[in-house]
Amino acid sequence: MTTTSQVSRRTFLARAAAAGGGLSLGFRIPFGLAGAHAADSVPEVNAWVVIRPDDTVVIRIARSEMGQGTLTGLAQLVAEELECDWPKVTTEYPTPRQNVARNRVWGNFSTGGSRGIRE
């Protein structure tokens, strides 16, 4: 004797979402200490953002400014998310040497095709 119950698509999706949400776990696995700390003694939030003790924020931009507003646009996106005081925000370019020393944490430095902000 085989019994099959009729499950609506909405019920199936709700149950699948509940099961998937119940099984999701979040954890961080550090891949070496070299990527976690800069060469100086200022602690980093990550490779892109440094918050100094005097509340200045340094945002590292790995894209070229070619007249498209990439430098300012990327800094504004990060500063807005962190709710930074804009006069205390500065930017800096990481060097290719720093990128290689930190296992290419900034990835590709290219800015072609107006993709500085999108990528």
N, C-alpha and C. Protein backbone atom coordinates (compact mmCIF):
# COMPACT_ATOMS: atom_id res chain seq x y z
N MET A 1 0.84 -1.17 0.00
CA MET A 1 0.00 0.00 0.00
C MET A 1 0.89 1.24 0.00
N THR A 2 0.73 2.04 -1.00
CA THR A 2 1.51 3.25 -1.14
C THR A 2 0.59 4.45 -1.02
N THR A 3 0.99 5.38 -0.15
CA THR A 3 0.21 6.61 -0.01
C THR A 3 1.10 7.79 -0.35
N THR A 4 0.56 8.64 -1.15
CA THR A 4 1.28 9.87 -1.49
C THR A 4 0.40 11.04 -1.09
N SER A 5 1.02 12.02 -0.48
CA SER A 5 0.24 13.19 -0.10
C SER A 5 0.51 14.30 -1.11
N GLN A 6 -0.49 15.08 -1.34
CA GLN A 6 -0.37 16.20 -2.27
C GLN A 6 0.19 17.40 -1.50
N VAL A 7 1.36 17.81 -1.89
CA VAL A 7 2.00 18.97 -1.27
C VAL A 7 2.04 20.08 -2.30
N SER A 8 1.54 21.22 -1.91
CA SER A 8 1.55 22.34 -2.85
C SER A 8 2.97 22.88 -3.01
N ARG A 9 3.17 23.55 -4.10
CA ARG A 9 4.49 24.11 -4.37
C ARG A 9 4.88 25.12 -3.28
N ARG A 10 3.95 25.90 -2.82
CA ARG A 10 4.21 26.89 -1.77
C ARG A 10 4.63 26.21 -0.47
N THR A 11 3.96 25.14 -0.10
CA THR A 11 4.31 24.40 1.11
C THR A 11 5.69 23.78 0.98
N PHE A 12 5.97 23.19 -0.20
CA PHE A 12 7.28 22.59 -0.42
C PHE A 12 8.39 23.63 -0.29
N LEU A 13 8.22 24.80 -0.92
CA LEU A 13 9.23 25.84 -0.84
C LEU A 13 9.42 26.36 0.58
N ALA A 14 8.33 26.50 1.32
CA ALA A 14 8.44 26.96 2.70
C ALA A 14 9.19 25.95 3.56
N ARG A 15 8.89 24.67 3.39
CA ARG A 15 9.59 23.64 4.16
C ARG A 15 11.05 23.53 3.75
N ALA A 16 11.34 23.65 2.47
CA ALA A 16 12.74 23.59 2.01
C ALA A 16 13.53 24.78 2.53
N ALA A 17 12.93 25.96 2.55
CA ALA A 17 13.62 27.14 3.07
C ALA A 17 13.88 27.01 4.57
N ALA A 18 12.91 26.48 5.29
CA ALA A 18 13.09 26.29 6.72
C ALA A 18 14.18 25.27 7.01
N ALA A 19 14.20 24.19 6.25
CA ALA A 19 15.24 23.16 6.46
C ALA A 19 16.61 23.70 6.07
N GLY A 20 16.70 24.42 4.97
CA GLY A 20 17.98 24.99 4.54
C GLY A 20 18.47 26.05 5.51
N GLY A 21 17.58 26.88 6.01
CA GLY A 21 17.97 27.91 6.98
C GLY A 21 18.39 27.30 8.30
N GLY A 22 17.76 26.21 8.68
CA GLY A 22 18.12 25.53 9.93
C GLY A 22 19.46 24.83 9.85
N LEU A 23 19.88 24.47 8.65
CA LEU A 23 21.15 23.76 8.50
C LEU A 23 22.33 24.67 8.18
N SER A 24 22.07 25.93 7.93
CA SER A 24 23.19 26.82 7.57
C SER A 24 23.98 27.21 8.81
N LEU A 25 25.27 27.16 8.68
CA LEU A 25 26.18 27.53 9.75
C LEU A 25 27.16 28.54 9.21
N GLY A 26 27.61 29.44 10.04
CA GLY A 26 28.61 30.41 9.62
C GLY A 26 29.83 30.33 10.51
N PHE A 27 30.98 30.23 9.91
CA PHE A 27 32.23 30.24 10.65
C PHE A 27 33.33 30.75 9.75
N ARG A 28 34.42 31.18 10.36
CA ARG A 28 35.53 31.73 9.62
C ARG A 28 36.76 30.89 9.87
N ILE A 29 37.44 30.54 8.80
CA ILE A 29 38.68 29.78 8.91
C ILE A 29 39.81 30.70 8.48
N PRO A 30 40.68 31.10 9.41
CA PRO A 30 41.79 31.97 9.01
C PRO A 30 42.80 31.20 8.18
N PHE A 31 43.24 31.82 7.10
CA PHE A 31 44.23 31.20 6.22
C PHE A 31 45.57 31.88 6.40
N GLY A 32 46.11 31.82 7.58
CA GLY A 32 47.41 32.41 7.85
C GLY A 32 47.29 33.80 8.42
N LEU A 33 48.25 34.18 9.22
CA LEU A 33 48.24 35.49 9.86
C LEU A 33 48.75 36.59 8.96
N ALA A 34 49.43 36.25 7.87
CA ALA A 34 49.99 37.28 6.99
C ALA A 34 48.89 38.12 6.36
N GLY A 35 47.75 37.55 6.06
CA GLY A 35 46.66 38.30 5.45
C GLY A 35 45.84 39.07 6.45
N ALA A 36 46.01 38.81 7.74
CA ALA A 36 45.18 39.44 8.75
C ALA A 36 45.75 40.75 9.27
N HIS A 37 47.06 40.93 9.20
CA HIS A 37 47.69 42.13 9.75
C HIS A 37 48.58 42.79 8.72
N ALA A 38 48.56 44.11 8.74
CA ALA A 38 49.43 44.86 7.84
C ALA A 38 50.84 44.90 8.40
N ALA A 39 51.74 45.45 7.62
CA ALA A 39 53.13 45.53 8.06
C ALA A 39 53.27 46.49 9.25
N ASP A 40 52.42 47.52 9.32
CA ASP A 40 52.48 48.43 10.46
C ASP A 40 51.65 47.87 11.61
N SER A 41 51.63 48.59 12.73
CA SER A 41 50.99 48.06 13.92
C SER A 41 49.51 48.44 14.03
N VAL A 42 48.96 49.14 13.06
CA VAL A 42 47.55 49.52 13.11
C VAL A 42 46.69 48.31 12.76
N PRO A 43 45.76 47.93 13.63
CA PRO A 43 44.92 46.77 13.31
C PRO A 43 43.97 47.08 12.14
N GLU A 44 43.79 46.10 11.31
CA GLU A 44 42.93 46.24 10.14
C GLU A 44 41.59 45.57 10.38
N VAL A 45 40.56 46.13 9.79
CA VAL A 45 39.26 45.45 9.75
C VAL A 45 39.39 44.29 8.77
N ASN A 46 39.94 44.59 7.61
CA ASN A 46 40.31 43.59 6.61
C ASN A 46 41.35 44.24 5.70
N ALA A 47 41.68 43.61 4.60
CA ALA A 47 42.71 44.15 3.73
C ALA A 47 42.28 45.46 3.07
N TRP A 48 41.01 45.74 3.05
CA TRP A 48 40.49 46.92 2.37
C TRP A 48 40.31 48.12 3.30
N VAL A 49 40.06 47.89 4.58
CA VAL A 49 39.68 48.97 5.50
C VAL A 49 40.56 48.93 6.75
N VAL A 50 41.09 50.11 7.11
CA VAL A 50 41.86 50.27 8.35
C VAL A 50 41.22 51.40 9.13
N ILE A 51 40.89 51.15 10.39
CA ILE A 51 40.36 52.20 11.26
C ILE A 51 41.43 52.48 12.31
N ARG A 52 41.95 53.69 12.27
CA ARG A 52 43.02 54.08 13.17
C ARG A 52 42.46 54.55 14.51
N PRO A 53 43.29 54.59 15.55
CA PRO A 53 42.81 55.01 16.88
C PRO A 53 42.24 56.42 16.93
N ASP A 54 42.65 57.31 16.02
CA ASP A 54 42.11 58.68 16.00
C ASP A 54 40.83 58.79 15.16
N ASP A 55 40.21 57.65 14.88
CA ASP A 55 38.94 57.55 14.13
C ASP A 55 39.07 57.91 12.65
N THR A 56 40.26 57.99 12.12
CA THR A 56 40.40 58.14 10.68
C THR A 56 40.28 56.77 10.05
N VAL A 57 39.70 56.73 8.87
CA VAL A 57 39.47 55.48 8.17
C VAL A 57 40.25 55.51 6.86
N VAL A 58 41.05 54.49 6.63
CA VAL A 58 41.81 54.36 5.39
C VAL A 58 41.14 53.27 4.57
N ILE A 59 40.75 53.62 3.36
CA ILE A 59 40.12 52.65 2.46
C ILE A 59 41.10 52.40 1.33
N ARG A 60 41.46 51.14 1.16
CA ARG A 60 42.41 50.78 0.11
C ARG A 60 41.65 50.45 -1.16
N ILE A 61 42.04 51.11 -2.24
CA ILE A 61 41.38 50.96 -3.52
C ILE A 61 42.36 50.31 -4.49
N ALA A 62 41.99 49.20 -5.06
CA ALA A 62 42.86 48.49 -6.01
C ALA A 62 42.40 48.70 -7.45
N ARG A 63 41.85 49.85 -7.73
CA ARG A 63 41.41 50.21 -9.08
C ARG A 63 41.98 51.57 -9.42
N SER A 64 42.24 51.82 -10.67
CA SER A 64 42.81 53.10 -11.10
C SER A 64 41.73 54.16 -11.24
N GLU A 65 42.11 55.39 -10.93
CA GLU A 65 41.22 56.52 -11.18
C GLU A 65 41.53 57.03 -12.57
N MET A 66 40.58 56.86 -13.48
CA MET A 66 40.79 57.24 -14.88
C MET A 66 39.74 58.24 -15.32
N GLY A 67 39.32 59.11 -14.39
CA GLY A 67 38.35 60.14 -14.73
C GLY A 67 36.91 59.70 -14.61
N GLN A 68 36.66 58.53 -14.07
CA GLN A 68 35.29 58.02 -13.96
C GLN A 68 34.74 58.09 -12.54
N GLY A 69 35.52 58.63 -11.61
CA GLY A 69 35.07 58.75 -10.23
C GLY A 69 35.22 57.47 -9.43
N THR A 70 36.05 56.56 -9.87
CA THR A 70 36.20 55.27 -9.20
C THR A 70 36.74 55.44 -7.79
N LEU A 71 37.77 56.26 -7.62
CA LEU A 71 38.39 56.43 -6.32
C LEU A 71 37.38 56.98 -5.30
N THR A 72 36.71 58.04 -5.66
CA THR A 72 35.73 58.65 -4.76
C THR A 72 34.51 57.76 -4.58
N GLY A 73 34.04 57.16 -5.65
CA GLY A 73 32.84 56.31 -5.58
C GLY A 73 33.02 55.11 -4.68
N LEU A 74 34.14 54.42 -4.82
CA LEU A 74 34.39 53.25 -3.98
C LEU A 74 34.56 53.65 -2.52
N ALA A 75 35.28 54.75 -2.28
CA ALA A 75 35.46 55.23 -0.91
C ALA A 75 34.12 55.62 -0.29
N GLN A 76 33.26 56.27 -1.07
CA GLN A 76 31.95 56.67 -0.55
C GLN A 76 31.07 55.47 -0.23
N LEU A 77 31.14 54.44 -1.05
CA LEU A 77 30.35 53.23 -0.77
C LEU A 77 30.73 52.61 0.57
N VAL A 78 32.03 52.48 0.81
CA VAL A 78 32.48 51.89 2.07
C VAL A 78 32.20 52.82 3.24
N ALA A 79 32.48 54.11 3.08
CA ALA A 79 32.26 55.06 4.16
C ALA A 79 30.79 55.15 4.55
N GLU A 80 29.91 55.06 3.58
CA GLU A 80 28.48 55.11 3.88
C GLU A 80 28.04 53.88 4.66
N GLU A 81 28.53 52.71 4.28
CA GLU A 81 28.16 51.49 4.99
C GLU A 81 28.69 51.49 6.43
N LEU A 82 29.87 52.08 6.64
CA LEU A 82 30.45 52.13 7.98
C LEU A 82 29.99 53.36 8.77
N GLU A 83 29.20 54.23 8.14
CA GLU A 83 28.74 55.48 8.74
C GLU A 83 29.91 56.31 9.24
N CYS A 84 30.90 56.50 8.37
CA CYS A 84 32.11 57.26 8.70
C CYS A 84 31.87 58.75 8.55
N ASP A 85 32.67 59.51 9.27
CA ASP A 85 32.70 60.96 9.09
C ASP A 85 33.57 61.22 7.86
N TRP A 86 32.98 61.73 6.79
CA TRP A 86 33.66 61.83 5.50
C TRP A 86 34.99 62.59 5.56
N PRO A 87 35.11 63.69 6.33
CA PRO A 87 36.42 64.36 6.40
C PRO A 87 37.53 63.50 7.00
N LYS A 88 37.18 62.43 7.70
CA LYS A 88 38.18 61.55 8.31
C LYS A 88 38.49 60.33 7.44
N VAL A 89 37.97 60.30 6.23
CA VAL A 89 38.19 59.17 5.33
C VAL A 89 39.31 59.52 4.36
N THR A 90 40.28 58.62 4.24
CA THR A 90 41.34 58.76 3.26
C THR A 90 41.42 57.47 2.44
N THR A 91 42.07 57.57 1.30
CA THR A 91 42.24 56.39 0.46
C THR A 91 43.72 56.18 0.19
N GLU A 92 44.06 54.96 -0.14
CA GLU A 92 45.42 54.66 -0.57
C GLU A 92 45.37 53.51 -1.56
N TYR A 93 46.39 53.48 -2.41
CA TYR A 93 46.51 52.41 -3.38
C TYR A 93 47.48 51.36 -2.85
N PRO A 94 47.07 50.11 -2.75
CA PRO A 94 48.05 49.07 -2.43
C PRO A 94 48.97 48.86 -3.63
N THR A 95 50.19 48.49 -3.38
CA THR A 95 51.14 48.26 -4.46
C THR A 95 51.05 46.82 -4.92
N PRO A 96 51.47 46.53 -6.14
CA PRO A 96 51.50 45.13 -6.57
C PRO A 96 52.37 44.27 -5.67
N ARG A 97 53.44 44.85 -5.12
CA ARG A 97 54.28 44.08 -4.20
C ARG A 97 53.51 43.69 -2.94
N GLN A 98 52.73 44.63 -2.39
CA GLN A 98 51.90 44.30 -1.23
C GLN A 98 50.89 43.22 -1.58
N ASN A 99 50.33 43.29 -2.77
CA ASN A 99 49.35 42.30 -3.21
C ASN A 99 49.96 40.91 -3.27
N VAL A 100 51.16 40.80 -3.82
CA VAL A 100 51.83 39.50 -3.90
C VAL A 100 52.21 39.01 -2.51
N ALA A 101 52.70 39.91 -1.65
CA ALA A 101 53.10 39.52 -0.30
C ALA A 101 51.91 39.03 0.53
N ARG A 102 50.72 39.50 0.20
CA ARG A 102 49.53 39.10 0.95
C ARG A 102 48.66 38.11 0.18
N ASN A 103 49.29 37.32 -0.65
CA ASN A 103 48.60 36.25 -1.39
C ASN A 103 47.49 36.77 -2.29
N ARG A 104 47.74 37.87 -2.98
CA ARG A 104 46.83 38.47 -3.96
C ARG A 104 45.45 38.75 -3.37
N VAL A 105 45.43 39.31 -2.18
CA VAL A 105 44.16 39.59 -1.50
C VAL A 105 43.32 40.61 -2.26
N TRP A 106 43.97 41.51 -3.01
CA TRP A 106 43.23 42.52 -3.78
C TRP A 106 42.94 42.05 -5.19
N GLY A 107 43.36 40.88 -5.55
CA GLY A 107 43.05 40.32 -6.86
C GLY A 107 43.68 41.07 -8.00
N ASN A 108 42.89 41.29 -9.04
CA ASN A 108 43.35 41.94 -10.25
C ASN A 108 43.24 43.45 -10.10
N PHE A 109 44.25 44.20 -10.49
CA PHE A 109 44.26 45.65 -10.36
C PHE A 109 43.69 46.35 -11.60
N SER A 110 43.15 45.63 -12.55
CA SER A 110 42.71 46.25 -13.80
C SER A 110 41.46 47.10 -13.61
N THR A 111 41.31 48.10 -14.47
CA THR A 111 40.17 49.01 -14.39
C THR A 111 39.57 49.23 -15.77
N GLY A 112 39.71 48.31 -16.69
CA GLY A 112 39.25 48.50 -18.05
C GLY A 112 37.75 48.46 -18.21
N GLY A 113 37.27 49.12 -19.24
CA GLY A 113 35.86 49.04 -19.59
C GLY A 113 34.90 49.66 -18.62
N SER A 114 35.29 50.68 -17.89
CA SER A 114 34.42 51.36 -16.91
C SER A 114 33.90 50.40 -15.85
N ARG A 115 34.67 49.44 -15.46
CA ARG A 115 34.23 48.44 -14.49
C ARG A 115 34.84 48.62 -13.10
N GLY A 116 35.40 49.78 -12.84
CA GLY A 116 36.06 50.02 -11.56
C GLY A 116 35.15 49.82 -10.36
N ILE A 117 33.97 50.36 -10.42
CA ILE A 117 33.04 50.24 -9.28
C ILE A 117 32.29 48.91 -9.33
N ARG A 118 31.89 48.47 -10.50
CA ARG A 118 31.11 47.23 -10.60
C ARG A 118 31.89 46.01 -10.15
N GLU A 119 33.19 46.00 -10.37
CA GLU A 119 33.98 44.82 -10.02
C GLU A 119 34.67 45.03 -8.69
